[in-house]
Amino acid sequence: FSAANSTINLDINSVGLKGYKFTSLAFLNLIILNVTTSNNEIAVAVKGDNGIPVTGLGEDNFQVVGLSISKVTSSYDQQYLIVYKIKYVGSLTLPVTVKLWDTRGIQVTARYP
């Protein structure tokens, strides 16, 4: 998983805010659930802050190292709530490395097995 910690200092003199400071934490977790070489598919789960599943990810958010991605779909899963299926082009050799960038620009990398 990846975690980012940012601190923001804010001064808006026109409305009387001076010295306002806050810290924000951001988390991103990528889990490779399964790799099926017979149909060129990798199943992953992605969780963000507070373990909440991340929605709205697509081909532009994922990279399978050494392979091209042809399609990314998502579906409901009882355990993980949302599972992404990454279809890839080419021949896969294990271990496989998947990289993910979320909409905030946070990157995480997972390896299987």
PDB file of N, CA and C in Angstrom:
ATOM      1  N   PHE A   1       0.842  -1.182   0.000  1.00  0.00           N
ATOM      2  CA  PHE A   1       0.000   0.000   0.000  1.00  0.00           C
ATOM      3  C   PHE A   1       0.873   1.225   0.000  1.00  0.00           C
ATOM      4  N   SER A   2       0.292   2.354  -0.372  1.00  0.00           N
ATOM      5  CA  SER A   2       0.991   3.638  -0.346  1.00  0.00           C
ATOM      6  C   SER A   2       0.250   4.587   0.573  1.00  0.00           C
ATOM      7  N   ALA A   3       0.993   5.437   1.221  1.00  0.00           N
ATOM      8  CA  ALA A   3       0.402   6.469   2.069  1.00  0.00           C
ATOM      9  C   ALA A   3       1.111   7.784   1.781  1.00  0.00           C
ATOM     10  N   ALA A   4       0.321   8.829   1.681  1.00  0.00           N
ATOM     11  CA  ALA A   4       0.879  10.157   1.455  1.00  0.00           C
ATOM     12  C   ALA A   4       0.440  11.066   2.591  1.00  0.00           C
ATOM     13  N   ASN A   5       1.341  11.876   3.073  1.00  0.00           N
ATOM     14  CA  ASN A   5       1.048  12.794   4.152  1.00  0.00           C
ATOM     15  C   ASN A   5       1.363  14.199   3.655  1.00  0.00           C
ATOM     16  N   SER A   6       0.377  15.078   3.687  1.00  0.00           N
ATOM     17  CA  SER A   6       0.626  16.446   3.238  1.00  0.00           C
ATOM     18  C   SER A   6       0.159  17.432   4.299  1.00  0.00           C
ATOM     19  N   THR A   7       0.912  18.504   4.421  1.00  0.00           N
ATOM     20  CA  THR A   7       0.563  19.574   5.340  1.00  0.00           C
ATOM     21  C   THR A   7       0.346  20.834   4.532  1.00  0.00           C
ATOM     22  N   ILE A   8      -0.756  21.522   4.811  1.00  0.00           N
ATOM     23  CA  ILE A   8      -1.097  22.744   4.085  1.00  0.00           C
ATOM     24  C   ILE A   8      -1.170  23.894   5.075  1.00  0.00           C
ATOM     25  N   ASN A   9      -0.479  24.980   4.740  1.00  0.00           N
ATOM     26  CA  ASN A   9      -0.549  26.220   5.518  1.00  0.00           C
ATOM     27  C   ASN A   9      -1.391  27.207   4.722  1.00  0.00           C
ATOM     28  N   LEU A  10      -2.334  27.857   5.409  1.00  0.00           N
ATOM     29  CA  LEU A  10      -3.264  28.741   4.720  1.00  0.00           C
ATOM     30  C   LEU A  10      -3.345  30.089   5.422  1.00  0.00           C
ATOM     31  N   ASP A  11      -3.138  31.143   4.653  1.00  0.00           N
ATOM     32  CA  ASP A  11      -3.316  32.511   5.128  1.00  0.00           C
ATOM     33  C   ASP A  11      -4.198  33.248   4.125  1.00  0.00           C
ATOM     34  N   ILE A  12      -5.372  33.649   4.546  1.00  0.00           N
ATOM     35  CA  ILE A  12      -6.250  34.476   3.720  1.00  0.00           C
ATOM     36  C   ILE A  12      -6.566  35.718   4.536  1.00  0.00           C
ATOM     37  N   ASN A  13      -5.740  36.713   4.369  1.00  0.00           N
ATOM     38  CA  ASN A  13      -5.848  37.925   5.179  1.00  0.00           C
ATOM     39  C   ASN A  13      -7.158  38.672   4.957  1.00  0.00           C
ATOM     40  N   SER A  14      -7.711  38.616   3.761  1.00  0.00           N
ATOM     41  CA  SER A  14      -8.930  39.384   3.469  1.00  0.00           C
ATOM     42  C   SER A  14     -10.126  38.921   4.288  1.00  0.00           C
ATOM     43  N   VAL A  15     -10.117  37.671   4.756  1.00  0.00           N
ATOM     44  CA  VAL A  15     -11.225  37.181   5.593  1.00  0.00           C
ATOM     45  C   VAL A  15     -10.768  36.872   7.018  1.00  0.00           C
ATOM     46  N   GLY A  16      -9.552  37.263   7.345  1.00  0.00           N
ATOM     47  CA  GLY A  16      -9.085  37.124   8.711  1.00  0.00           C
ATOM     48  C   GLY A  16      -8.509  35.770   9.074  1.00  0.00           C
ATOM     49  N   LEU A  17      -8.271  34.917   8.096  1.00  0.00           N
ATOM     50  CA  LEU A  17      -7.648  33.617   8.384  1.00  0.00           C
ATOM     51  C   LEU A  17      -6.141  33.771   8.287  1.00  0.00           C
ATOM     52  N   LYS A  18      -5.482  33.447   9.370  1.00  0.00           N
ATOM     53  CA  LYS A  18      -4.025  33.543   9.371  1.00  0.00           C
ATOM     54  C   LYS A  18      -3.468  32.391  10.197  1.00  0.00           C
ATOM     55  N   GLY A  19      -2.497  31.709   9.632  1.00  0.00           N
ATOM     56  CA  GLY A  19      -1.846  30.633  10.366  1.00  0.00           C
ATOM     57  C   GLY A  19      -2.649  29.351  10.453  1.00  0.00           C
ATOM     58  N   TYR A  20      -3.628  29.172   9.566  1.00  0.00           N
ATOM     59  CA  TYR A  20      -4.420  27.941   9.546  1.00  0.00           C
ATOM     60  C   TYR A  20      -3.567  26.833   8.934  1.00  0.00           C
ATOM     61  N   LYS A  21      -3.449  25.712   9.646  1.00  0.00           N
ATOM     62  CA  LYS A  21      -2.599  24.615   9.205  1.00  0.00           C
ATOM     63  C   LYS A  21      -3.343  23.304   9.419  1.00  0.00           C
ATOM     64  N   PHE A  22      -3.326  22.441   8.402  1.00  0.00           N
ATOM     65  CA  PHE A  22      -3.911  21.123   8.600  1.00  0.00           C
ATOM     66  C   PHE A  22      -3.092  20.077   7.852  1.00  0.00           C
ATOM     67  N   THR A  23      -3.184  18.867   8.364  1.00  0.00           N
ATOM     68  CA  THR A  23      -2.471  17.740   7.780  1.00  0.00           C
ATOM     69  C   THR A  23      -3.482  16.737   7.267  1.00  0.00           C
ATOM     70  N   SER A  24      -3.193  16.189   6.116  1.00  0.00           N
ATOM     71  CA  SER A  24      -4.093  15.226   5.501  1.00  0.00           C
ATOM     72  C   SER A  24      -3.311  13.962   5.156  1.00  0.00           C
ATOM     73  N   LEU A  25      -3.898  12.817   5.415  1.00  0.00           N
ATOM     74  CA  LEU A  25      -3.307  11.530   5.056  1.00  0.00           C
ATOM     75  C   LEU A  25      -4.126  10.914   3.933  1.00  0.00           C
ATOM     76  N   ALA A  26      -3.461  10.291   2.987  1.00  0.00           N
ATOM     77  CA  ALA A  26      -4.141   9.613   1.898  1.00  0.00           C
ATOM     78  C   ALA A  26      -3.552   8.213   1.754  1.00  0.00           C
ATOM     79  N   PHE A  27      -4.416   7.224   1.627  1.00  0.00           N
ATOM     80  CA  PHE A  27      -3.983   5.837   1.518  1.00  0.00           C
ATOM     81  C   PHE A  27      -4.484   5.228   0.217  1.00  0.00           C
ATOM     82  N   LEU A  28      -3.719   4.284  -0.317  1.00  0.00           N
ATOM     83  CA  LEU A  28      -4.118   3.540  -1.501  1.00  0.00           C
ATOM     84  C   LEU A  28      -3.540   2.136  -1.390  1.00  0.00           C
ATOM     85  N   ASN A  29      -4.394   1.137  -1.570  1.00  0.00           N
ATOM     86  CA  ASN A  29      -3.998  -0.257  -1.425  1.00  0.00           C
ATOM     87  C   ASN A  29      -4.426  -1.027  -2.671  1.00  0.00           C
ATOM     88  N   LEU A  30      -3.493  -1.753  -3.278  1.00  0.00           N
ATOM     89  CA  LEU A  30      -3.748  -2.574  -4.456  1.00  0.00           C
ATOM     90  C   LEU A  30      -3.447  -4.018  -4.102  1.00  0.00           C
ATOM     91  N   ILE A  31      -4.436  -4.890  -4.310  1.00  0.00           N
ATOM     92  CA  ILE A  31      -4.282  -6.315  -4.018  1.00  0.00           C
ATOM     93  C   ILE A  31      -4.522  -7.092  -5.308  1.00  0.00           C
ATOM     94  N   ILE A  32      -3.541  -7.876  -5.737  1.00  0.00           N
ATOM     95  CA  ILE A  32      -3.752  -8.772  -6.877  1.00  0.00           C
ATOM     96  C   ILE A  32      -4.395 -10.035  -6.329  1.00  0.00           C
ATOM     97  N   LEU A  33      -5.631 -10.288  -6.739  1.00  0.00           N
ATOM     98  CA  LEU A  33      -6.390 -11.414  -6.217  1.00  0.00           C
ATOM     99  C   LEU A  33      -6.109 -12.699  -6.974  1.00  0.00           C
ATOM    100  N   ASN A  34      -5.974 -12.574  -8.297  1.00  0.00           N
ATOM    101  CA  ASN A  34      -5.827 -13.762  -9.121  1.00  0.00           C
ATOM    102  C   ASN A  34      -5.250 -13.386 -10.476  1.00  0.00           C
ATOM    103  N   VAL A  35      -4.466 -14.300 -11.034  1.00  0.00           N
ATOM    104  CA  VAL A  35      -3.953 -14.152 -12.392  1.00  0.00           C
ATOM    105  C   VAL A  35      -4.371 -15.398 -13.157  1.00  0.00           C
ATOM    106  N   THR A  36      -5.120 -15.201 -14.236  1.00  0.00           N
ATOM    107  CA  THR A  36      -5.599 -16.320 -15.051  1.00  0.00           C
ATOM    108  C   THR A  36      -4.977 -16.200 -16.433  1.00  0.00           C
ATOM    109  N   THR A  37      -3.946 -17.004 -16.694  1.00  0.00           N
ATOM    110  CA  THR A  37      -3.241 -16.899 -17.972  1.00  0.00           C
ATOM    111  C   THR A  37      -4.058 -17.481 -19.120  1.00  0.00           C
ATOM    112  N   SER A  38      -5.009 -18.359 -18.835  1.00  0.00           N
ATOM    113  CA  SER A  38      -5.795 -18.967 -19.912  1.00  0.00           C
ATOM    114  C   SER A  38      -6.700 -17.957 -20.619  1.00  0.00           C
ATOM    115  N   ASN A  39      -7.107 -16.903 -19.926  1.00  0.00           N
ATOM    116  CA  ASN A  39      -7.930 -15.868 -20.578  1.00  0.00           C
ATOM    117  C   ASN A  39      -7.309 -14.473 -20.449  1.00  0.00           C
ATOM    118  N   ASN A  40      -6.001 -14.425 -20.176  1.00  0.00           N
ATOM    119  CA  ASN A  40      -5.253 -13.154 -20.104  1.00  0.00           C
ATOM    120  C   ASN A  40      -5.924 -12.138 -19.193  1.00  0.00           C
ATOM    121  N   GLU A  41      -6.166 -12.529 -17.950  1.00  0.00           N
ATOM    122  CA  GLU A  41      -6.900 -11.650 -17.038  1.00  0.00           C
ATOM    123  C   GLU A  41      -6.243 -11.614 -15.660  1.00  0.00           C
ATOM    124  N   ILE A  42      -6.186 -10.412 -15.112  1.00  0.00           N
ATOM    125  CA  ILE A  42      -5.684 -10.203 -13.757  1.00  0.00           C
ATOM    126  C   ILE A  42      -6.800  -9.553 -12.958  1.00  0.00           C
ATOM    127  N   ALA A  43      -7.155 -10.131 -11.818  1.00  0.00           N
ATOM    128  CA  ALA A  43      -8.201  -9.579 -10.951  1.00  0.00           C
ATOM    129  C   ALA A  43      -7.535  -8.855  -9.782  1.00  0.00           C
ATOM    130  N   VAL A  44      -7.950  -7.603  -9.560  1.00  0.00           N
ATOM    131  CA  VAL A  44      -7.377  -6.809  -8.483  1.00  0.00           C
ATOM    132  C   VAL A  44      -8.479  -6.116  -7.695  1.00  0.00           C
ATOM    133  N   ALA A  45      -8.161  -5.794  -6.451  1.00  0.00           N
ATOM    134  CA  ALA A  45      -9.034  -4.973  -5.607  1.00  0.00           C
ATOM    135  C   ALA A  45      -8.244  -3.734  -5.209  1.00  0.00           C
ATOM    136  N   VAL A  46      -8.935  -2.598  -5.167  1.00  0.00           N
ATOM    137  CA  VAL A  46      -8.298  -1.330  -4.838  1.00  0.00           C
ATOM    138  C   VAL A  46      -9.073  -0.668  -3.712  1.00  0.00           C
ATOM    139  N   LYS A  47      -8.371  -0.350  -2.632  1.00  0.00           N
ATOM    140  CA  LYS A  47      -9.007   0.324  -1.503  1.00  0.00           C
ATOM    141  C   LYS A  47      -8.275   1.628  -1.210  1.00  0.00           C
ATOM    142  N   GLY A  48      -9.054   2.638  -0.848  1.00  0.00           N
ATOM    143  CA  GLY A  48      -8.490   3.938  -0.539  1.00  0.00           C
ATOM    144  C   GLY A  48      -8.584   4.241   0.943  1.00  0.00           C
ATOM    145  N   ASP A  49      -8.788   5.501   1.250  1.00  0.00           N
ATOM    146  CA  ASP A  49      -8.869   5.948   2.637  1.00  0.00           C
ATOM    147  C   ASP A  49      -9.912   5.161   3.413  1.00  0.00           C
ATOM    148  N   ASN A  50      -9.571   4.789   4.633  1.00  0.00           N
ATOM    149  CA  ASN A  50     -10.456   4.044   5.535  1.00  0.00           C
ATOM    150  C   ASN A  50     -10.913   2.713   4.966  1.00  0.00           C
ATOM    151  N   GLY A  51     -10.145   2.136   4.033  1.00  0.00           N
ATOM    152  CA  GLY A  51     -10.482   0.832   3.470  1.00  0.00           C
ATOM    153  C   GLY A  51     -11.661   0.841   2.523  1.00  0.00           C
ATOM    154  N   ILE A  52     -12.056   2.016   2.063  1.00  0.00           N
ATOM    155  CA  ILE A  52     -13.201   2.136   1.158  1.00  0.00           C
ATOM    156  C   ILE A  52     -12.770   1.778  -0.256  1.00  0.00           C
ATOM    157  N   PRO A  53     -13.528   0.913  -0.948  1.00  0.00           N
ATOM    158  CA  PRO A  53     -13.183   0.562  -2.324  1.00  0.00           C
ATOM    159  C   PRO A  53     -13.142   1.803  -3.220  1.00  0.00           C
ATOM    160  N   VAL A  54     -12.173   1.824  -4.123  1.00  0.00           N
ATOM    161  CA  VAL A  54     -12.008   2.941  -5.049  1.00  0.00           C
ATOM    162  C   VAL A  54     -12.784   2.615  -6.326  1.00  0.00           C
ATOM    163  N   THR A  55     -13.640   3.540  -6.749  1.00  0.00           N
ATOM    164  CA  THR A  55     -14.454   3.342  -7.944  1.00  0.00           C
ATOM    165  C   THR A  55     -13.939   4.202  -9.095  1.00  0.00           C
ATOM    166  N   GLY A  56     -14.432   3.908 -10.290  1.00  0.00           N
ATOM    167  CA  GLY A  56     -14.180   4.757 -11.447  1.00  0.00           C
ATOM    168  C   GLY A  56     -12.803   4.641 -12.068  1.00  0.00           C
ATOM    169  N   LEU A  57     -12.103   3.541 -11.826  1.00  0.00           N
ATOM    170  CA  LEU A  57     -10.782   3.365 -12.427  1.00  0.00           C
ATOM    171  C   LEU A  57     -10.911   2.690 -13.792  1.00  0.00           C
ATOM    172  N   GLY A  58      -9.962   2.985 -14.676  1.00  0.00           N
ATOM    173  CA  GLY A  58      -9.994   2.412 -16.024  1.00  0.00           C
ATOM    174  C   GLY A  58      -8.605   2.086 -16.512  1.00  0.00           C
ATOM    175  N   GLU A  59      -8.491   1.877 -17.814  1.00  0.00           N
ATOM    176  CA  GLU A  59      -7.215   1.490 -18.424  1.00  0.00           C
ATOM    177  C   GLU A  59      -6.094   2.473 -18.135  1.00  0.00           C
ATOM    178  N   ASP A  60      -6.419   3.756 -18.097  1.00  0.00           N
ATOM    179  CA  ASP A  60      -5.393   4.778 -17.871  1.00  0.00           C
ATOM    180  C   ASP A  60      -4.830   4.754 -16.455  1.00  0.00           C
ATOM    181  N   ASN A  61      -5.518   4.092 -15.527  1.00  0.00           N
ATOM    182  CA  ASN A  61      -5.064   4.050 -14.138  1.00  0.00           C
ATOM    183  C   ASN A  61      -4.124   2.885 -13.846  1.00  0.00           C
ATOM    184  N   PHE A  62      -4.105   1.876 -14.720  1.00  0.00           N
ATOM    185  CA  PHE A  62      -3.330   0.661 -14.461  1.00  0.00           C
ATOM    186  C   PHE A  62      -2.205   0.491 -15.467  1.00  0.00           C
ATOM    187  N   GLN A  63      -1.151  -0.196 -15.021  1.00  0.00           N
ATOM    188  CA  GLN A  63      -0.081  -0.636 -15.902  1.00  0.00           C
ATOM    189  C   GLN A  63       0.333  -2.032 -15.464  1.00  0.00           C
ATOM    190  N   VAL A  64       0.399  -2.955 -16.413  1.00  0.00           N
ATOM    191  CA  VAL A  64       0.954  -4.280 -16.156  1.00  0.00           C
ATOM    192  C   VAL A  64       2.349  -4.245 -16.777  1.00  0.00           C
ATOM    193  N   VAL A  65       3.361  -4.353 -15.949  1.00  0.00           N
ATOM    194  CA  VAL A  65       4.742  -4.180 -16.401  1.00  0.00           C
ATOM    195  C   VAL A  65       5.074  -5.223 -17.472  1.00  0.00           C
ATOM    196  N   GLY A  66       5.503  -4.726 -18.649  1.00  0.00           N
ATOM    197  CA  GLY A  66       5.907  -5.602 -19.745  1.00  0.00           C
ATOM    198  C   GLY A  66       4.788  -6.032 -20.661  1.00  0.00           C
ATOM    199  N   LEU A  67       3.551  -5.634 -20.375  1.00  0.00           N
ATOM    200  CA  LEU A  67       2.402  -6.038 -21.194  1.00  0.00           C
ATOM    201  C   LEU A  67       1.513  -4.846 -21.493  1.00  0.00           C
ATOM    202  N   SER A  68       0.722  -4.968 -22.557  1.00  0.00           N
ATOM    203  CA  SER A  68      -0.275  -3.943 -22.891  1.00  0.00           C
ATOM    204  C   SER A  68      -1.619  -4.338 -22.312  1.00  0.00           C
ATOM    205  N   ILE A  69      -2.372  -3.345 -21.869  1.00  0.00           N
ATOM    206  CA  ILE A  69      -3.719  -3.577 -21.349  1.00  0.00           C
ATOM    207  C   ILE A  69      -4.719  -3.320 -22.465  1.00  0.00           C
ATOM    208  N   SER A  70      -5.640  -4.268 -22.670  1.00  0.00           N
ATOM    209  CA  SER A  70      -6.648  -4.095 -23.712  1.00  0.00           C
ATOM    210  C   SER A  70      -7.980  -3.612 -23.147  1.00  0.00           C
ATOM    211  N   LYS A  71      -8.252  -3.923 -21.875  1.00  0.00           N
ATOM    212  CA  LYS A  71      -9.555  -3.567 -21.306  1.00  0.00           C
ATOM    213  C   LYS A  71      -9.514  -3.698 -19.789  1.00  0.00           C
ATOM    214  N   VAL A  72     -10.231  -2.800 -19.108  1.00  0.00           N
ATOM    215  CA  VAL A  72     -10.407  -2.899 -17.655  1.00  0.00           C
ATOM    216  C   VAL A  72     -11.894  -2.778 -17.362  1.00  0.00           C
ATOM    217  N   THR A  73     -12.426  -3.752 -16.634  1.00  0.00           N
ATOM    218  CA  THR A  73     -13.833  -3.719 -16.223  1.00  0.00           C
ATOM    219  C   THR A  73     -13.904  -3.894 -14.716  1.00  0.00           C
ATOM    220  N   SER A  74     -15.037  -3.524 -14.144  1.00  0.00           N
ATOM    221  CA  SER A  74     -15.225  -3.713 -12.706  1.00  0.00           C
ATOM    222  C   SER A  74     -16.537  -4.441 -12.475  1.00  0.00           C
ATOM    223  N   SER A  75     -16.586  -5.169 -11.366  1.00  0.00           N
ATOM    224  CA  SER A  75     -17.804  -5.893 -10.997  1.00  0.00           C
ATOM    225  C   SER A  75     -17.890  -5.999  -9.478  1.00  0.00           C
ATOM    226  N   TYR A  76     -19.096  -6.298  -9.015  1.00  0.00           N
ATOM    227  CA  TYR A  76     -19.345  -6.454  -7.584  1.00  0.00           C
ATOM    228  C   TYR A  76     -18.727  -7.750  -7.085  1.00  0.00           C
ATOM    229  N   ASP A  77     -18.190  -7.708  -5.870  1.00  0.00           N
ATOM    230  CA  ASP A  77     -17.643  -8.882  -5.217  1.00  0.00           C
ATOM    231  C   ASP A  77     -18.069  -8.855  -3.754  1.00  0.00           C
ATOM    232  N   GLN A  78     -18.500 -10.003  -3.234  1.00  0.00           N
ATOM    233  CA  GLN A  78     -18.988 -10.059  -1.851  1.00  0.00           C
ATOM    234  C   GLN A  78     -17.938  -9.656  -0.832  1.00  0.00           C
ATOM    235  N   GLN A  79     -16.711 -10.092  -1.037  1.00  0.00           N
ATOM    236  CA  GLN A  79     -15.659  -9.814  -0.060  1.00  0.00           C
ATOM    237  C   GLN A  79     -15.024  -8.434  -0.253  1.00  0.00           C
ATOM    238  N   TYR A  80     -14.702  -8.067  -1.497  1.00  0.00           N
ATOM    239  CA  TYR A  80     -13.962  -6.831  -1.757  1.00  0.00           C
ATOM    240  C   TYR A  80     -14.853  -5.686  -2.248  1.00  0.00           C
ATOM    241  N   LEU A  81     -16.124  -5.950  -2.470  1.00  0.00           N
ATOM    242  CA  LEU A  81     -17.121  -5.017  -2.992  1.00  0.00           C
ATOM    243  C   LEU A  81     -16.903  -4.700  -4.462  1.00  0.00           C
ATOM    244  N   ILE A  82     -15.728  -4.235  -4.842  1.00  0.00           N
ATOM    245  CA  ILE A  82     -15.438  -3.970  -6.250  1.00  0.00           C
ATOM    246  C   ILE A  82     -14.148  -4.695  -6.631  1.00  0.00           C
ATOM    247  N   VAL A  83     -14.218  -5.459  -7.722  1.00  0.00           N
ATOM    248  CA  VAL A  83     -13.033  -6.124  -8.264  1.00  0.00           C
ATOM    249  C   VAL A  83     -12.850  -5.648  -9.700  1.00  0.00           C
ATOM    250  N   TYR A  84     -11.628  -5.247 -10.016  1.00  0.00           N
ATOM    251  CA  TYR A  84     -11.291  -4.838 -11.376  1.00  0.00           C
ATOM    252  C   TYR A  84     -10.662  -6.025 -12.098  1.00  0.00           C
ATOM    253  N   LYS A  85     -11.111  -6.260 -13.333  1.00  0.00           N
ATOM    254  CA  LYS A  85     -10.535  -7.304 -14.177  1.00  0.00           C
ATOM    255  C   LYS A  85      -9.729  -6.604 -15.267  1.00  0.00           C
ATOM    256  N   ILE A  86      -8.438  -6.866 -15.275  1.00  0.00           N
ATOM    257  CA  ILE A  86      -7.523  -6.265 -16.247  1.00  0.00           C
ATOM    258  C   ILE A  86      -7.229  -7.307 -17.317  1.00  0.00           C
ATOM    259  N   LYS A  87      -7.651  -7.029 -18.535  1.00  0.00           N
ATOM    260  CA  LYS A  87      -7.345  -7.894 -19.683  1.00  0.00           C
ATOM    261  C   LYS A  87      -6.053  -7.388 -20.308  1.00  0.00           C
ATOM    262  N   TYR A  88      -5.119  -8.286 -20.549  1.00  0.00           N
ATOM    263  CA  TYR A  88      -3.834  -7.890 -21.100  1.00  0.00           C
ATOM    264  C   TYR A  88      -3.571  -8.613 -22.418  1.00  0.00           C
ATOM    265  N   VAL A  89      -2.660  -8.047 -23.198  1.00  0.00           N
ATOM    266  CA  VAL A  89      -2.268  -8.614 -24.478  1.00  0.00           C
ATOM    267  C   VAL A  89      -0.838  -9.125 -24.332  1.00  0.00           C
ATOM    268  N   GLY A  90      -0.616 -10.358 -24.765  1.00  0.00           N
ATOM    269  CA  GLY A  90       0.728 -10.917 -24.711  1.00  0.00           C
ATOM    270  C   GLY A  90       0.796 -12.117 -23.800  1.00  0.00           C
ATOM    271  N   SER A  91       2.006 -12.586 -23.615  1.00  0.00           N
ATOM    272  CA  SER A  91       2.255 -13.767 -22.804  1.00  0.00           C
ATOM    273  C   SER A  91       2.813 -13.341 -21.449  1.00  0.00           C
ATOM    274  N   LEU A  92       2.168 -13.793 -20.403  1.00  0.00           N
ATOM    275  CA  LEU A  92       2.530 -13.401 -19.041  1.00  0.00           C
ATOM    276  C   LEU A  92       3.429 -14.448 -18.404  1.00  0.00           C
ATOM    277  N   THR A  93       4.485 -13.996 -17.752  1.00  0.00           N
ATOM    278  CA  THR A  93       5.300 -14.879 -16.936  1.00  0.00           C
ATOM    279  C   THR A  93       5.250 -14.360 -15.505  1.00  0.00           C
ATOM    280  N   LEU A  94       5.194 -15.263 -14.578  1.00  0.00           N
ATOM    281  CA  LEU A  94       5.138 -14.887 -13.160  1.00  0.00           C
ATOM    282  C   LEU A  94       6.548 -14.671 -12.637  1.00  0.00           C
ATOM    283  N   PRO A  95       6.776 -13.799 -11.701  1.00  0.00           N
ATOM    284  CA  PRO A  95       5.782 -12.940 -11.046  1.00  0.00           C
ATOM    285  C   PRO A  95       5.357 -11.788 -11.959  1.00  0.00           C
ATOM    286  N   VAL A  96       4.159 -11.278 -11.711  1.00  0.00           N
ATOM    287  CA  VAL A  96       3.626 -10.159 -12.471  1.00  0.00           C
ATOM    288  C   VAL A  96       3.585  -8.929 -11.564  1.00  0.00           C
ATOM    289  N   THR A  97       3.864  -7.759 -12.152  1.00  0.00           N
ATOM    290  CA  THR A  97       3.831  -6.507 -11.402  1.00  0.00           C
ATOM    291  C   THR A  97       2.763  -5.601 -12.009  1.00  0.00           C
ATOM    292  N   VAL A  98       1.870  -5.105 -11.154  1.00  0.00           N
ATOM    293  CA  VAL A  98       0.812  -4.192 -11.581  1.00  0.00           C
ATOM    294  C   VAL A  98       1.020  -2.872 -10.852  1.00  0.00           C
ATOM    295  N   LYS A  99       0.936  -1.780 -11.607  1.00  0.00           N
ATOM    296  CA  LYS A  99       1.032  -0.433 -11.032  1.00  0.00           C
ATOM    297  C   LYS A  99      -0.313   0.256 -11.189  1.00  0.00           C
ATOM    298  N   LEU A 100      -0.617   1.112 -10.229  1.00  0.00           N
ATOM    299  CA  LEU A 100      -1.897   1.819 -10.219  1.00  0.00           C
ATOM    300  C   LEU A 100      -1.669   3.273  -9.834  1.00  0.00           C
ATOM    301  N   TRP A 101      -2.346   4.186 -10.538  1.00  0.00           N
ATOM    302  CA  TRP A 101      -2.387   5.603 -10.189  1.00  0.00           C
ATOM    303  C   TRP A 101      -3.845   5.957  -9.983  1.00  0.00           C
ATOM    304  N   ASP A 102      -4.184   6.515  -8.825  1.00  0.00           N
ATOM    305  CA  ASP A 102      -5.576   6.918  -8.617  1.00  0.00           C
ATOM    306  C   ASP A 102      -5.772   8.353  -9.108  1.00  0.00           C
ATOM    307  N   THR A 103      -6.971   8.864  -8.955  1.00  0.00           N
ATOM    308  CA  THR A 103      -7.301  10.202  -9.468  1.00  0.00           C
ATOM    309  C   THR A 103      -6.568  11.310  -8.714  1.00  0.00           C
ATOM    310  N   ARG A 104      -6.022  11.000  -7.530  1.00  0.00           N
ATOM    311  CA  ARG A 104      -5.252  11.983  -6.754  1.00  0.00           C
ATOM    312  C   ARG A 104      -3.789  11.993  -7.149  1.00  0.00           C
ATOM    313  N   GLY A 105      -3.391  11.041  -8.013  1.00  0.00           N
ATOM    314  CA  GLY A 105      -2.003  10.948  -8.439  1.00  0.00           C
ATOM    315  C   GLY A 105      -1.149  10.070  -7.554  1.00  0.00           C
ATOM    316  N   ILE A 106      -1.751   9.387  -6.604  1.00  0.00           N
ATOM    317  CA  ILE A 106      -1.005   8.485  -5.729  1.00  0.00           C
ATOM    318  C   ILE A 106      -0.746   7.184  -6.494  1.00  0.00           C
ATOM    319  N   GLN A 107       0.470   6.669  -6.399  1.00  0.00           N
ATOM    320  CA  GLN A 107       0.838   5.449  -7.106  1.00  0.00           C
ATOM    321  C   GLN A 107       1.097   4.331  -6.098  1.00  0.00           C
ATOM    322  N   VAL A 108       0.700   3.117  -6.489  1.00  0.00           N
ATOM    323  CA  VAL A 108       0.997   1.938  -5.681  1.00  0.00           C
ATOM    324  C   VAL A 108       1.337   0.798  -6.641  1.00  0.00           C
ATOM    325  N   THR A 109       2.203  -0.094  -6.194  1.00  0.00           N
ATOM    326  CA  THR A 109       2.641  -1.228  -7.014  1.00  0.00           C
ATOM    327  C   THR A 109       2.423  -2.515  -6.227  1.00  0.00           C
ATOM    328  N   ALA A 110       1.926  -3.553  -6.944  1.00  0.00           N
ATOM    329  CA  ALA A 110       1.729  -4.859  -6.306  1.00  0.00           C
ATOM    330  C   ALA A 110       2.364  -5.923  -7.192  1.00  0.00           C
ATOM    331  N   ARG A 111       2.812  -6.993  -6.549  1.00  0.00           N
ATOM    332  CA  ARG A 111       3.450  -8.112  -7.253  1.00  0.00           C
ATOM    333  C   ARG A 111       2.739  -9.400  -6.897  1.00  0.00           C
ATOM    334  N   TYR A 112       2.630 -10.311  -7.881  1.00  0.00           N
ATOM    335  CA  TYR A 112       1.963 -11.599  -7.676  1.00  0.00           C
ATOM    336  C   TYR A 112       2.787 -12.686  -8.305  1.00  0.00           C
ATOM    337  N   PRO A 113       3.022 -13.808  -7.731  1.00  0.00           N
ATOM    338  CA  PRO A 113       2.794 -14.119  -6.318  1.00  0.00           C
ATOM    339  C   PRO A 113       3.864 -13.538  -5.443  1.00  0.00           C
TER     340      PRO A 113
END
